[in-house]
């Protein structure tokens, strides 16, 4: 996964569709809903509000983690487990758009989840 901030081929090709408010499903269940999104080329991501699941925490998910968007049911499906998302770099409202933080998140999600 060399481009963590780009959608996979065939996923979310309709960038005019807002995903805000869509439910977000990890491979093992719902993790929250989309609070914010960016569809900038090479810099696409979702900010997901996890609600009570991680005590109101938000997480940044690079576009490459999305495997499917279901506009009819308003759901976004991810290629990551709840545990992987929970262990991602901490979200900080003040710094989540900074290059250093984005590099951390990109590195975290860009590595093969099957490797240690």
PDB file of N, CA and C in Angstrom:
ATOM      1  N   UNK A   1       0.856  -1.176   0.000  1.00  0.00           N
ATOM      2  CA  UNK A   1       0.000   0.000   0.000  1.00  0.00           C
ATOM      3  C   UNK A   1       0.898   1.233   0.000  1.00  0.00           C
ATOM      4  N   UNK A   2       1.285   1.661  -1.149  1.00  0.00           N
ATOM      5  CA  UNK A   2       2.259   2.736  -1.220  1.00  0.00           C
ATOM      6  C   UNK A   2       1.645   4.134  -1.129  1.00  0.00           C
ATOM      7  N   UNK A   3       0.339   4.236  -1.330  1.00  0.00           N
ATOM      8  CA  UNK A   3      -0.307   5.543  -1.285  1.00  0.00           C
ATOM      9  C   UNK A   3      -1.455   5.524  -0.275  1.00  0.00           C
ATOM     10  N   UNK A   4      -1.134   5.665   1.005  1.00  0.00           N
ATOM     11  CA  UNK A   4      -2.178   5.548   2.018  1.00  0.00           C
ATOM     12  C   UNK A   4      -3.265   6.610   1.917  1.00  0.00           C
ATOM     13  N   UNK A   5      -2.962   7.751   1.301  1.00  0.00           N
ATOM     14  CA  UNK A   5      -3.915   8.860   1.269  1.00  0.00           C
ATOM     15  C   UNK A   5      -4.727   8.905  -0.030  1.00  0.00           C
ATOM     16  N   UNK A   6      -4.755   7.797  -0.757  1.00  0.00           N
ATOM     17  CA  UNK A   6      -5.552   7.700  -1.987  1.00  0.00           C
ATOM     18  C   UNK A   6      -6.502   6.514  -1.871  1.00  0.00           C
ATOM     19  N   UNK A   7      -7.710   6.687  -2.420  1.00  0.00           N
ATOM     20  CA  UNK A   7      -8.663   5.580  -2.426  1.00  0.00           C
ATOM     21  C   UNK A   7      -8.179   4.477  -3.355  1.00  0.00           C
ATOM     22  N   UNK A   8      -8.527   3.246  -3.032  1.00  0.00           N
ATOM     23  CA  UNK A   8      -8.230   2.106  -3.896  1.00  0.00           C
ATOM     24  C   UNK A   8      -9.019   2.260  -5.194  1.00  0.00           C
ATOM     25  N   UNK A   9      -8.534   1.645  -6.257  1.00  0.00           N
ATOM     26  CA  UNK A   9      -9.245   1.689  -7.529  1.00  0.00           C
ATOM     27  C   UNK A   9     -10.671   1.191  -7.354  1.00  0.00           C
ATOM     28  N   UNK A  10     -11.623   1.972  -7.867  1.00  0.00           N
ATOM     29  CA  UNK A  10     -13.025   1.571  -7.817  1.00  0.00           C
ATOM     30  C   UNK A  10     -13.747   1.909  -6.529  1.00  0.00           C
ATOM     31  N   UNK A  11     -13.038   2.440  -5.537  1.00  0.00           N
ATOM     32  CA  UNK A  11     -13.673   2.797  -4.263  1.00  0.00           C
ATOM     33  C   UNK A  11     -13.890   4.308  -4.230  1.00  0.00           C
ATOM     34  N   UNK A  12     -15.093   4.718  -3.923  1.00  0.00           N
ATOM     35  CA  UNK A  12     -15.459   6.129  -3.791  1.00  0.00           C
ATOM     36  C   UNK A  12     -15.052   6.951  -5.010  1.00  0.00           C
ATOM     37  N   UNK A  13     -15.389   6.451  -6.181  1.00  0.00           N
ATOM     38  CA  UNK A  13     -15.069   7.202  -7.398  1.00  0.00           C
ATOM     39  C   UNK A  13     -15.944   8.437  -7.551  1.00  0.00           C
ATOM     40  N   UNK A  14     -17.070   8.485  -6.825  1.00  0.00           N
ATOM     41  CA  UNK A  14     -17.957   9.659  -6.868  1.00  0.00           C
ATOM     42  C   UNK A  14     -17.587  10.589  -5.722  1.00  0.00           C
ATOM     43  N   UNK A  15     -16.599  11.447  -5.950  1.00  0.00           N
ATOM     44  CA  UNK A  15     -16.129  12.327  -4.871  1.00  0.00           C
ATOM     45  C   UNK A  15     -17.112  13.460  -4.567  1.00  0.00           C
ATOM     46  N   UNK A  16     -18.187  13.581  -5.363  1.00  0.00           N
ATOM     47  CA  UNK A  16     -19.202  14.582  -5.056  1.00  0.00           C
ATOM     48  C   UNK A  16     -20.135  14.089  -3.952  1.00  0.00           C
ATOM     49  N   UNK A  17     -20.094  12.783  -3.661  1.00  0.00           N
ATOM     50  CA  UNK A  17     -20.917  12.195  -2.611  1.00  0.00           C
ATOM     51  C   UNK A  17     -20.272  12.448  -1.254  1.00  0.00           C
ATOM     52  N   UNK A  18     -20.988  13.129  -0.380  1.00  0.00           N
ATOM     53  CA  UNK A  18     -20.459  13.365   0.962  1.00  0.00           C
ATOM     54  C   UNK A  18     -20.644  12.117   1.816  1.00  0.00           C
ATOM     55  N   UNK A  19     -19.594  11.713   2.501  1.00  0.00           N
ATOM     56  CA  UNK A  19     -19.659  10.544   3.376  1.00  0.00           C
ATOM     57  C   UNK A  19     -19.928  10.933   4.832  1.00  0.00           C
ATOM     58  N   UNK A  20     -20.043  12.212   5.102  1.00  0.00           N
ATOM     59  CA  UNK A  20     -20.280  12.681   6.473  1.00  0.00           C
ATOM     60  C   UNK A  20     -21.607  12.113   6.972  1.00  0.00           C
ATOM     61  N   UNK A  21     -21.547  11.502   8.154  1.00  0.00           N
ATOM     62  CA  UNK A  21     -22.722  10.878   8.751  1.00  0.00           C
ATOM     63  C   UNK A  21     -22.861   9.400   8.434  1.00  0.00           C
ATOM     64  N   UNK A  22     -22.074   8.883   7.476  1.00  0.00           N
ATOM     65  CA  UNK A  22     -22.112   7.457   7.139  1.00  0.00           C
ATOM     66  C   UNK A  22     -21.577   6.649   8.324  1.00  0.00           C
ATOM     67  N   UNK A  23     -22.158   5.457   8.549  1.00  0.00           N
ATOM     68  CA  UNK A  23     -21.621   4.529   9.535  1.00  0.00           C
ATOM     69  C   UNK A  23     -20.327   3.944   8.991  1.00  0.00           C
ATOM     70  N   UNK A  24     -19.394   3.641   9.892  1.00  0.00           N
ATOM     71  CA  UNK A  24     -18.105   3.079   9.491  1.00  0.00           C
ATOM     72  C   UNK A  24     -17.955   1.697  10.117  1.00  0.00           C
ATOM     73  N   UNK A  25     -17.692   0.708   9.255  1.00  0.00           N
ATOM     74  CA  UNK A  25     -17.581  -0.689   9.682  1.00  0.00           C
ATOM     75  C   UNK A  25     -16.151  -1.199   9.511  1.00  0.00           C
ATOM     76  N   UNK A  26     -15.552  -1.627  10.607  1.00  0.00           N
ATOM     77  CA  UNK A  26     -14.265  -2.332  10.538  1.00  0.00           C
ATOM     78  C   UNK A  26     -14.572  -3.756  10.090  1.00  0.00           C
ATOM     79  N   UNK A  27     -13.549  -4.579   9.904  1.00  0.00           N
ATOM     80  CA  UNK A  27     -13.788  -5.962   9.479  1.00  0.00           C
ATOM     81  C   UNK A  27     -14.559  -6.748  10.530  1.00  0.00           C
ATOM     82  N   UNK A  28     -14.545  -6.261  11.787  1.00  0.00           N
ATOM     83  CA  UNK A  28     -15.215  -6.982  12.874  1.00  0.00           C
ATOM     84  C   UNK A  28     -16.292  -6.161  13.581  1.00  0.00           C
ATOM     85  N   UNK A  29     -16.891  -5.202  12.871  1.00  0.00           N
ATOM     86  CA  UNK A  29     -18.023  -4.477  13.445  1.00  0.00           C
ATOM     87  C   UNK A  29     -17.926  -2.969  13.317  1.00  0.00           C
ATOM     88  N   UNK A  30     -19.018  -2.312  13.694  1.00  0.00           N
ATOM     89  CA  UNK A  30     -19.121  -0.858  13.574  1.00  0.00           C
ATOM     90  C   UNK A  30     -18.175  -0.158  14.541  1.00  0.00           C
ATOM     91  N   UNK A  31     -17.516   0.917  14.038  1.00  0.00           N
ATOM     92  CA  UNK A  31     -16.618   1.671  14.917  1.00  0.00           C
ATOM     93  C   UNK A  31     -17.082   3.101  15.154  1.00  0.00           C
ATOM     94  N   UNK A  32     -18.048   3.587  14.365  1.00  0.00           N
ATOM     95  CA  UNK A  32     -18.507   4.954  14.545  1.00  0.00           C
ATOM     96  C   UNK A  32     -19.091   5.511  13.271  1.00  0.00           C
ATOM     97  N   UNK A  33     -18.997   6.844  13.131  1.00  0.00           N
ATOM     98  CA  UNK A  33     -19.520   7.483  11.934  1.00  0.00           C
ATOM     99  C   UNK A  33     -18.574   8.575  11.447  1.00  0.00           C
ATOM    100  N   UNK A  34     -18.670   8.871  10.164  1.00  0.00           N
ATOM    101  CA  UNK A  34     -17.794   9.861   9.544  1.00  0.00           C
ATOM    102  C   UNK A  34     -18.175  11.249  10.043  1.00  0.00           C
ATOM    103  N   UNK A  35     -17.188  11.949  10.590  1.00  0.00           N
ATOM    104  CA  UNK A  35     -17.376  13.295  11.136  1.00  0.00           C
ATOM    105  C   UNK A  35     -16.853  14.354  10.167  1.00  0.00           C
ATOM    106  N   UNK A  36     -15.842  13.977   9.383  1.00  0.00           N
ATOM    107  CA  UNK A  36     -15.189  14.913   8.467  1.00  0.00           C
ATOM    108  C   UNK A  36     -14.528  14.097   7.365  1.00  0.00           C
ATOM    109  N   UNK A  37     -14.336  14.712   6.197  1.00  0.00           N
ATOM    110  CA  UNK A  37     -13.667  14.004   5.101  1.00  0.00           C
ATOM    111  C   UNK A  37     -12.887  14.977   4.240  1.00  0.00           C
ATOM    112  N   UNK A  38     -11.903  14.423   3.539  1.00  0.00           N
ATOM    113  CA  UNK A  38     -11.162  15.177   2.539  1.00  0.00           C
ATOM    114  C   UNK A  38     -11.046  14.292   1.312  1.00  0.00           C
ATOM    115  N   UNK A  39     -11.349  14.859   0.143  1.00  0.00           N
ATOM    116  CA  UNK A  39     -11.213  14.126  -1.106  1.00  0.00           C
ATOM    117  C   UNK A  39     -10.114  14.715  -1.974  1.00  0.00           C
ATOM    118  N   UNK A  40      -9.191  15.434  -1.350  1.00  0.00           N
ATOM    119  CA  UNK A  40      -8.084  16.021  -2.102  1.00  0.00           C
ATOM    120  C   UNK A  40      -7.238  14.909  -2.713  1.00  0.00           C
ATOM    121  N   UNK A  41      -6.847  15.082  -3.938  1.00  0.00           N
ATOM    122  CA  UNK A  41      -6.038  14.071  -4.623  1.00  0.00           C
ATOM    123  C   UNK A  41      -4.742  13.827  -3.851  1.00  0.00           C
ATOM    124  N   UNK A  42      -4.487  12.568  -3.504  1.00  0.00           N
ATOM    125  CA  UNK A  42      -3.288  12.209  -2.753  1.00  0.00           C
ATOM    126  C   UNK A  42      -3.324  12.594  -1.294  1.00  0.00           C
ATOM    127  N   UNK A  43      -4.460  13.138  -0.837  1.00  0.00           N
ATOM    128  CA  UNK A  43      -4.595  13.556   0.564  1.00  0.00           C
ATOM    129  C   UNK A  43      -6.029  13.320   1.040  1.00  0.00           C
ATOM    130  N   UNK A  44      -6.572  12.157   0.688  1.00  0.00           N
ATOM    131  CA  UNK A  44      -7.949  11.829   1.063  1.00  0.00           C
ATOM    132  C   UNK A  44      -7.963  11.035   2.366  1.00  0.00           C
ATOM    133  N   UNK A  45      -8.906  11.391   3.225  1.00  0.00           N
ATOM    134  CA  UNK A  45      -9.017  10.708   4.518  1.00  0.00           C
ATOM    135  C   UNK A  45     -10.404  10.911   5.096  1.00  0.00           C
ATOM    136  N   UNK A  46     -10.698  10.148   6.134  1.00  0.00           N
ATOM    137  CA  UNK A  46     -11.926  10.301   6.906  1.00  0.00           C
ATOM    138  C   UNK A  46     -11.538  10.544   8.358  1.00  0.00           C
ATOM    139  N   UNK A  47     -12.282  11.416   9.024  1.00  0.00           N
ATOM    140  CA  UNK A  47     -12.168  11.545  10.471  1.00  0.00           C
ATOM    141  C   UNK A  47     -13.433  10.876  11.010  1.00  0.00           C
ATOM    142  N   UNK A  48     -13.243   9.838  11.831  1.00  0.00           N
ATOM    143  CA  UNK A  48     -14.359   9.061  12.343  1.00  0.00           C
ATOM    144  C   UNK A  48     -14.525   9.314  13.835  1.00  0.00           C
ATOM    145  N   UNK A  49     -15.755   9.659  14.218  1.00  0.00           N
ATOM    146  CA  UNK A  49     -16.100   9.812  15.629  1.00  0.00           C
ATOM    147  C   UNK A  49     -16.504   8.435  16.129  1.00  0.00           C
ATOM    148  N   UNK A  50     -15.742   7.895  17.064  1.00  0.00           N
ATOM    149  CA  UNK A  50     -15.989   6.535  17.535  1.00  0.00           C
ATOM    150  C   UNK A  50     -17.057   6.481  18.626  1.00  0.00           C
ATOM    151  N   UNK A  51     -17.595   7.624  19.009  1.00  0.00           N
ATOM    152  CA  UNK A  51     -18.654   7.629  20.015  1.00  0.00           C
ATOM    153  C   UNK A  51     -18.197   6.993  21.306  1.00  0.00           C
ATOM    154  N   UNK A  52     -19.024   6.080  21.832  1.00  0.00           N
ATOM    155  CA  UNK A  52     -18.715   5.459  23.117  1.00  0.00           C
ATOM    156  C   UNK A  52     -17.716   4.322  22.995  1.00  0.00           C
ATOM    157  N   UNK A  53     -17.458   3.874  21.755  1.00  0.00           N
ATOM    158  CA  UNK A  53     -16.579   2.721  21.573  1.00  0.00           C
ATOM    159  C   UNK A  53     -15.185   2.970  22.149  1.00  0.00           C
ATOM    160  N   UNK A  54     -14.581   4.141  21.851  1.00  0.00           N
ATOM    161  CA  UNK A  54     -13.298   4.489  22.490  1.00  0.00           C
ATOM    162  C   UNK A  54     -13.483   5.800  23.260  1.00  0.00           C
ATOM    163  N   UNK A  55     -14.560   5.900  24.011  1.00  0.00           N
ATOM    164  CA  UNK A  55     -14.838   7.054  24.859  1.00  0.00           C
ATOM    165  C   UNK A  55     -14.765   8.384  24.125  1.00  0.00           C
ATOM    166  N   UNK A  56     -15.487   8.481  23.033  1.00  0.00           N
ATOM    167  CA  UNK A  56     -15.593   9.751  22.327  1.00  0.00           C
ATOM    168  C   UNK A  56     -14.380  10.129  21.513  1.00  0.00           C
ATOM    169  N   UNK A  57     -13.452   9.215  21.352  1.00  0.00           N
ATOM    170  CA  UNK A  57     -12.236   9.481  20.589  1.00  0.00           C
ATOM    171  C   UNK A  57     -12.551   9.576  19.093  1.00  0.00           C
ATOM    172  N   UNK A  58     -11.767  10.370  18.412  1.00  0.00           N
ATOM    173  CA  UNK A  58     -11.847  10.422  16.962  1.00  0.00           C
ATOM    174  C   UNK A  58     -10.584   9.784  16.401  1.00  0.00           C
ATOM    175  N   UNK A  59     -10.678   9.262  15.188  1.00  0.00           N
ATOM    176  CA  UNK A  59      -9.529   8.672  14.517  1.00  0.00           C
ATOM    177  C   UNK A  59      -9.475   9.166  13.081  1.00  0.00           C
ATOM    178  N   UNK A  60      -8.265   9.300  12.552  1.00  0.00           N
ATOM    179  CA  UNK A  60      -8.063   9.652  11.146  1.00  0.00           C
ATOM    180  C   UNK A  60      -7.775   8.350  10.407  1.00  0.00           C
ATOM    181  N   UNK A  61      -8.532   8.131   9.335  1.00  0.00           N
ATOM    182  CA  UNK A  61      -8.350   6.931   8.526  1.00  0.00           C
ATOM    183  C   UNK A  61      -7.981   7.332   7.106  1.00  0.00           C
ATOM    184  N   UNK A  62      -6.768   6.993   6.662  1.00  0.00           N
ATOM    185  CA  UNK A  62      -6.387   7.287   5.283  1.00  0.00           C
ATOM    186  C   UNK A  62      -7.352   6.595   4.308  1.00  0.00           C
ATOM    187  N   UNK A  63      -7.564   7.207   3.164  1.00  0.00           N
ATOM    188  CA  UNK A  63      -8.507   6.687   2.176  1.00  0.00           C
ATOM    189  C   UNK A  63      -8.222   5.245   1.781  1.00  0.00           C
ATOM    190  N   UNK A  64      -6.958   4.823   1.821  1.00  0.00           N
ATOM    191  CA  UNK A  64      -6.603   3.467   1.401  1.00  0.00           C
ATOM    192  C   UNK A  64      -7.176   2.388   2.313  1.00  0.00           C
ATOM    193  N   UNK A  65      -7.630   2.756   3.523  1.00  0.00           N
ATOM    194  CA  UNK A  65      -8.211   1.768   4.432  1.00  0.00           C
ATOM    195  C   UNK A  65      -9.650   1.429   4.049  1.00  0.00           C
ATOM    196  N   UNK A  66     -10.262   2.238   3.173  1.00  0.00           N
ATOM    197  CA  UNK A  66     -11.647   2.037   2.752  1.00  0.00           C
ATOM    198  C   UNK A  66     -11.694   1.002   1.627  1.00  0.00           C
ATOM    199  N   UNK A  67     -12.533  -0.023   1.817  1.00  0.00           N
ATOM    200  CA  UNK A  67     -12.671  -1.063   0.793  1.00  0.00           C
ATOM    201  C   UNK A  67     -13.957  -0.919  -0.009  1.00  0.00           C
ATOM    202  N   UNK A  68     -14.963  -0.277   0.595  1.00  0.00           N
ATOM    203  CA  UNK A  68     -16.244  -0.130  -0.092  1.00  0.00           C
ATOM    204  C   UNK A  68     -17.025   1.028   0.511  1.00  0.00           C
ATOM    205  N   UNK A  69     -17.776   1.723  -0.360  1.00  0.00           N
ATOM    206  CA  UNK A  69     -18.713   2.748   0.080  1.00  0.00           C
ATOM    207  C   UNK A  69     -20.086   2.311  -0.410  1.00  0.00           C
ATOM    208  N   UNK A  70     -21.025   2.203   0.513  1.00  0.00           N
ATOM    209  CA  UNK A  70     -22.391   1.789   0.181  1.00  0.00           C
ATOM    210  C   UNK A  70     -23.322   2.983   0.374  1.00  0.00           C
ATOM    211  N   UNK A  71     -23.576   3.751  -0.717  1.00  0.00           N
ATOM    212  CA  UNK A  71     -24.398   4.961  -0.594  1.00  0.00           C
ATOM    213  C   UNK A  71     -25.846   4.667  -0.196  1.00  0.00           C
ATOM    214  N   UNK A  72     -26.393   3.533  -0.612  1.00  0.00           N
ATOM    215  CA  UNK A  72     -27.787   3.201  -0.289  1.00  0.00           C
ATOM    216  C   UNK A  72     -27.989   3.006   1.211  1.00  0.00           C
ATOM    217  N   UNK A  73     -27.059   2.310   1.845  1.00  0.00           N
ATOM    218  CA  UNK A  73     -27.168   2.052   3.283  1.00  0.00           C
ATOM    219  C   UNK A  73     -26.342   3.015   4.125  1.00  0.00           C
ATOM    220  N   UNK A  74     -25.710   3.978   3.466  1.00  0.00           N
ATOM    221  CA  UNK A  74     -24.883   4.982   4.144  1.00  0.00           C
ATOM    222  C   UNK A  74     -23.845   4.334   5.061  1.00  0.00           C
ATOM    223  N   UNK A  75     -23.017   3.456   4.444  1.00  0.00           N
ATOM    224  CA  UNK A  75     -21.971   2.769   5.198  1.00  0.00           C
ATOM    225  C   UNK A  75     -20.657   2.829   4.440  1.00  0.00           C
ATOM    226  N   UNK A  76     -19.571   2.886   5.219  1.00  0.00           N
ATOM    227  CA  UNK A  76     -18.213   2.820   4.694  1.00  0.00           C
ATOM    228  C   UNK A  76     -17.575   1.596   5.340  1.00  0.00           C
ATOM    229  N   UNK A  77     -16.961   0.742   4.521  1.00  0.00           N
ATOM    230  CA  UNK A  77     -16.323  -0.476   5.012  1.00  0.00           C
ATOM    231  C   UNK A  77     -14.810  -0.332   4.941  1.00  0.00           C
ATOM    232  N   UNK A  78     -14.130  -0.838   5.983  1.00  0.00           N
ATOM    233  CA  UNK A  78     -12.674  -0.707   6.096  1.00  0.00           C
ATOM    234  C   UNK A  78     -11.975  -2.054   6.022  1.00  0.00           C
ATOM    235  N   UNK A  79     -10.684  -2.012   5.690  1.00  0.00           N
ATOM    236  CA  UNK A  79      -9.846  -3.213   5.649  1.00  0.00           C
ATOM    237  C   UNK A  79      -9.033  -3.348   6.924  1.00  0.00           C
ATOM    238  N   UNK A  80      -9.548  -2.877   8.020  1.00  0.00           N
ATOM    239  CA  UNK A  80      -8.844  -2.933   9.299  1.00  0.00           C
ATOM    240  C   UNK A  80      -9.794  -3.387  10.404  1.00  0.00           C
ATOM    241  N   UNK A  81      -9.221  -3.986  11.461  1.00  0.00           N
ATOM    242  CA  UNK A  81     -10.015  -4.435  12.603  1.00  0.00           C
ATOM    243  C   UNK A  81     -10.197  -3.288  13.594  1.00  0.00           C
ATOM    244  N   UNK A  82     -11.113  -3.495  14.523  1.00  0.00           N
ATOM    245  CA  UNK A  82     -11.317  -2.506  15.589  1.00  0.00           C
ATOM    246  C   UNK A  82     -10.025  -2.284  16.376  1.00  0.00           C
ATOM    247  N   UNK A  83      -9.328  -3.386  16.659  1.00  0.00           N
ATOM    248  CA  UNK A  83      -8.094  -3.300  17.451  1.00  0.00           C
ATOM    249  C   UNK A  83      -7.033  -2.465  16.724  1.00  0.00           C
ATOM    250  N   UNK A  84      -6.875  -2.682  15.417  1.00  0.00           N
ATOM    251  CA  UNK A  84      -5.899  -1.905  14.641  1.00  0.00           C
ATOM    252  C   UNK A  84      -6.239  -0.417  14.682  1.00  0.00           C
ATOM    253  N   UNK A  85      -7.519  -0.108  14.570  1.00  0.00           N
ATOM    254  CA  UNK A  85      -7.948   1.294  14.581  1.00  0.00           C
ATOM    255  C   UNK A  85      -7.754   1.899  15.970  1.00  0.00           C
ATOM    256  N   UNK A  86      -8.072   1.129  16.984  1.00  0.00           N
ATOM    257  CA  UNK A  86      -7.918   1.592  18.371  1.00  0.00           C
ATOM    258  C   UNK A  86      -6.459   1.900  18.693  1.00  0.00           C
ATOM    259  N   UNK A  87      -5.518   1.153  18.093  1.00  0.00           N
ATOM    260  CA  UNK A  87      -4.095   1.323  18.379  1.00  0.00           C
ATOM    261  C   UNK A  87      -3.402   2.338  17.460  1.00  0.00           C
ATOM    262  N   UNK A  88      -4.145   2.990  16.616  1.00  0.00           N
ATOM    263  CA  UNK A  88      -3.577   3.983  15.690  1.00  0.00           C
ATOM    264  C   UNK A  88      -3.051   5.191  16.479  1.00  0.00           C
ATOM    265  N   UNK A  89      -2.187   6.006  15.847  1.00  0.00           N
ATOM    266  CA  UNK A  89      -1.707   7.218  16.534  1.00  0.00           C
ATOM    267  C   UNK A  89      -2.872   8.070  17.050  1.00  0.00           C
ATOM    268  N   UNK A  90      -2.696   8.600  18.229  1.00  0.00           N
ATOM    269  CA  UNK A  90      -3.722   9.400  18.911  1.00  0.00           C
ATOM    270  C   UNK A  90      -4.159  10.594  18.067  1.00  0.00           C
ATOM    271  N   UNK A  91      -5.473  10.811  17.989  1.00  0.00           N
ATOM    272  CA  UNK A  91      -6.023  11.956  17.268  1.00  0.00           C
ATOM    273  C   UNK A  91      -5.879  13.211  18.116  1.00  0.00           C
ATOM    274  N   UNK A  92      -5.451  14.297  17.502  1.00  0.00           N
ATOM    275  CA  UNK A  92      -5.350  15.585  18.179  1.00  0.00           C
ATOM    276  C   UNK A  92      -5.967  16.637  17.265  1.00  0.00           C
ATOM    277  N   UNK A  93      -7.045  17.245  17.735  1.00  0.00           N
ATOM    278  CA  UNK A  93      -7.784  18.241  16.953  1.00  0.00           C
ATOM    279  C   UNK A  93      -6.872  19.341  16.406  1.00  0.00           C
ATOM    280  N   UNK A  94      -5.835  19.689  17.173  1.00  0.00           N
ATOM    281  CA  UNK A  94      -4.958  20.797  16.776  1.00  0.00           C
ATOM    282  C   UNK A  94      -3.891  20.394  15.760  1.00  0.00           C
ATOM    283  N   UNK A  95      -3.533  19.108  15.714  1.00  0.00           N
ATOM    284  CA  UNK A  95      -2.397  18.718  14.869  1.00  0.00           C
ATOM    285  C   UNK A  95      -2.698  17.660  13.817  1.00  0.00           C
ATOM    286  N   UNK A  96      -3.961  17.232  13.684  1.00  0.00           N
ATOM    287  CA  UNK A  96      -4.213  16.093  12.800  1.00  0.00           C
ATOM    288  C   UNK A  96      -3.975  16.396  11.322  1.00  0.00           C
ATOM    289  N   UNK A  97      -3.834  17.667  10.957  1.00  0.00           N
ATOM    290  CA  UNK A  97      -3.519  18.002   9.562  1.00  0.00           C
ATOM    291  C   UNK A  97      -2.035  18.302   9.367  1.00  0.00           C
ATOM    292  N   UNK A  98      -1.254  18.275  10.433  1.00  0.00           N
ATOM    293  CA  UNK A  98       0.186  18.536  10.322  1.00  0.00           C
ATOM    294  C   UNK A  98       0.890  17.395   9.591  1.00  0.00           C
ATOM    295  N   UNK A  99       1.897  17.712   8.769  1.00  0.00           N
ATOM    296  CA  UNK A  99       2.619  16.682   8.016  1.00  0.00           C
ATOM    297  C   UNK A  99       3.232  15.589   8.891  1.00  0.00           C
ATOM    298  N   UNK A 100       3.786  15.934  10.039  1.00  0.00           N
ATOM    299  CA  UNK A 100       4.414  14.942  10.913  1.00  0.00           C
ATOM    300  C   UNK A 100       3.410  13.915  11.414  1.00  0.00           C
ATOM    301  N   UNK A 101       2.248  14.389  11.857  1.00  0.00           N
ATOM    302  CA  UNK A 101       1.201  13.479  12.333  1.00  0.00           C
ATOM    303  C   UNK A 101       0.692  12.623  11.185  1.00  0.00           C
ATOM    304  N   UNK A 102       0.480  13.254  10.038  1.00  0.00           N
ATOM    305  CA  UNK A 102      -0.029  12.534   8.870  1.00  0.00           C
ATOM    306  C   UNK A 102       0.953  11.448   8.434  1.00  0.00           C
ATOM    307  N   UNK A 103       2.246  11.728   8.569  1.00  0.00           N
ATOM    308  CA  UNK A 103       3.260  10.730   8.223  1.00  0.00           C
ATOM    309  C   UNK A 103       3.174   9.525   9.177  1.00  0.00           C
ATOM    310  N   UNK A 104       2.987   9.809  10.472  1.00  0.00           N
ATOM    311  CA  UNK A 104       2.819   8.742  11.473  1.00  0.00           C
ATOM    312  C   UNK A 104       1.627   7.859  11.119  1.00  0.00           C
ATOM    313  N   UNK A 105       0.494   8.486  10.826  1.00  0.00           N
ATOM    314  CA  UNK A 105      -0.731   7.750  10.506  1.00  0.00           C
ATOM    315  C   UNK A 105      -0.559   6.964   9.203  1.00  0.00           C
ATOM    316  N   UNK A 106       0.042   7.608   8.202  1.00  0.00           N
ATOM    317  CA  UNK A 106       0.285   6.940   6.928  1.00  0.00           C
ATOM    318  C   UNK A 106       1.188   5.733   7.088  1.00  0.00           C
ATOM    319  N   UNK A 107       2.238   5.882   7.913  1.00  0.00           N
ATOM    320  CA  UNK A 107       3.158   4.767   8.174  1.00  0.00           C
ATOM    321  C   UNK A 107       2.433   3.636   8.908  1.00  0.00           C
ATOM    322  N   UNK A 108       1.605   4.016   9.893  1.00  0.00           N
ATOM    323  CA  UNK A 108       0.876   3.010  10.680  1.00  0.00           C
ATOM    324  C   UNK A 108      -0.046   2.189   9.779  1.00  0.00           C
ATOM    325  N   UNK A 109      -0.840   2.846   8.980  1.00  0.00           N
ATOM    326  CA  UNK A 109      -1.800   2.140   8.129  1.00  0.00           C
ATOM    327  C   UNK A 109      -1.171   1.615   6.838  1.00  0.00           C
ATOM    328  N   UNK A 110      -0.015   2.119   6.485  1.00  0.00           N
ATOM    329  CA  UNK A 110       0.623   1.706   5.248  1.00  0.00           C
ATOM    330  C   UNK A 110       1.373   0.398   5.349  1.00  0.00           C
ATOM    331  N   UNK A 111       1.680  -0.008   6.559  1.00  0.00           N
ATOM    332  CA  UNK A 111       2.415  -1.268   6.700  1.00  0.00           C
ATOM    333  C   UNK A 111       1.455  -2.455   6.618  1.00  0.00           C
ATOM    334  N   UNK A 112       1.999  -3.588   6.289  1.00  0.00           N
ATOM    335  CA  UNK A 112       1.218  -4.810   6.140  1.00  0.00           C
ATOM    336  C   UNK A 112       0.718  -5.253   7.520  1.00  0.00           C
ATOM    337  N   UNK A 113      -0.607  -5.369   7.715  1.00  0.00           N
ATOM    338  CA  UNK A 113      -1.126  -5.748   9.032  1.00  0.00           C
ATOM    339  C   UNK A 113      -0.755  -7.165   9.445  1.00  0.00           C
ATOM    340  N   UNK A 114      -0.279  -7.973   8.497  1.00  0.00           N
ATOM    341  CA  UNK A 114       0.102  -9.347   8.828  1.00  0.00           C
ATOM    342  C   UNK A 114       1.544  -9.464   9.299  1.00  0.00           C
ATOM    343  N   UNK A 115       2.283  -8.356   9.252  1.00  0.00           N
ATOM    344  CA  UNK A 115       3.659  -8.360   9.742  1.00  0.00           C
ATOM    345  C   UNK A 115       3.710  -7.804  11.149  1.00  0.00           C
ATOM    346  N   UNK A 116       4.697  -8.203  11.944  1.00  0.00           N
ATOM    347  CA  UNK A 116       4.791  -7.698  13.323  1.00  0.00           C
ATOM    348  C   UNK A 116       5.155  -6.230  13.381  1.00  0.00           C
TER     349      UNK A 116
END
